[in-house]
Amino acid sequence: MAGSDSGLLHGLTFVAKDLFDLAEHTSSFGHPTWRDSHGPSSTTSPVISELLDAGADLVGLAKMDQLAYSLIGNVGEGLPPRNLSAPDLYCGGSSSGSAAAVAANMSDFALGTDTAGSIRVPAAACALHSIRPSYGAVAPKGVTPLAPSLDVVGILSQDIPILSKVLHVLAPGLPASPRVRSIKFASDLFDALDADTAQTARAVAEGLADKSGLVFEEMSFAEFTSPDIGNLFARIQSREIWKNHGQWVSAHGKGLAKDVRTRLERCERLASDPESIKTADLDAREAYRADIERAVSPGTVVVLPVVPEHGPKISWDDQKLMDFRAACFRLSAPSSLSGAPQAVLSVSGDGANNSIGIGLLTAAGGDYLLLDLMAAL
């Protein structure tokens, strides 16, 4: 679909994950049975329309993992998208096709969604820059939900200024970049990673601090990515997924991938928990959000990992992929549970890692602070 003849994005091309409404198109939501059991949309998502109005050309709709419920990139419709930046890796999910298209220079940027890392993990796997904006900054109208209190429309590109331009179009209400007050390095999270990733991340933190006229500080951040936090995150997400899609899964879910079905069975069990347990989890989420806001105040940028190791590798067995997903899930929790924005800066790596994705987290509303710092660096 051709964009307008002028605008901030004129001359740029994009693809969109196949869960954005497009008039007369029936979304796959990652599985042919979804398409077969739904009719075409009568309208186009405002997210798509705003980009077209700003001059960008929509060149295609991208594959995605089933029901947007994976971080690997191997359980979509048909063959998994190929990762041309690292052929030994899956693209990461669930915005797998979006990342694949940008990595293959098929488009200048791509739209995806991120609930538990579905923009951030593909960015790290495919050597791309990305932004998961502050929760609610981009109105998700006309976007098939997974877990609405966690879902965010995100952007992938090889070019940081393009990320900023697209965000300006999609989130005009975001404030200008605040003043940088501190750069913090989550040293304890990098202690468990390979030396190349840790050294590269430390160099990024030092570079950000230098550009800002500050001295970077080391901080402990493991309390925000613990197994208990990962389990809280999973429980909240699971109940929302079942509320939104349980009826469809019960009727049509037999054809889904085994690991997706297994997680959906857990969603069903958790959805039947007593209301007192559900309320306690929501209260715990609010307490967690308050803790994040104290640790990451406006103007503070935290440098943290995106993935636990260089992957997801096509050669890994099911257990290794499951372990990778669980670790990514915990690393995604600070942004996903709090609603704070997180960007991924892709940095050239050495040895086995052709690129390393470094996460940058700041307080809600500080989206342009992250992108401005990335551009300066």
Foldseek 3Di string as FASTA:
>chain_A
DWADCAALQAPFEEEEAQQFADAQDQGQLFHVVSSVVDGHDRHGFVLVVLNSPRHYHYDYYFWFAHNQPFFAQQFGPDGGQAQPQARQFQLTHGRRRRLSCQLVVVGAKYKDKDQQQRFPSSCFQRLKKKKQAFPPQADCPRGQDQQNLQITIMMIGNDLVVRVSSSCRRRVPFDAADQADAEEEQLVQCVLADPQQNVVLVVLSCLLQVVNVHHHYYDHDVVQLDPVLLVLSLLSSLLRNCVRCVVVCVVPVPPGDPVVVVSNVVSVVSNPDDPVVVVVSVVVLVVSLVVLCVVFPRNYKYKHAQWRYNHPGPPDDPVVSVVRRSSNSSRSRSCRSNSWMKMWNWDQTDDPGRIGTIIITHGHSNRNNVSVSSVVD
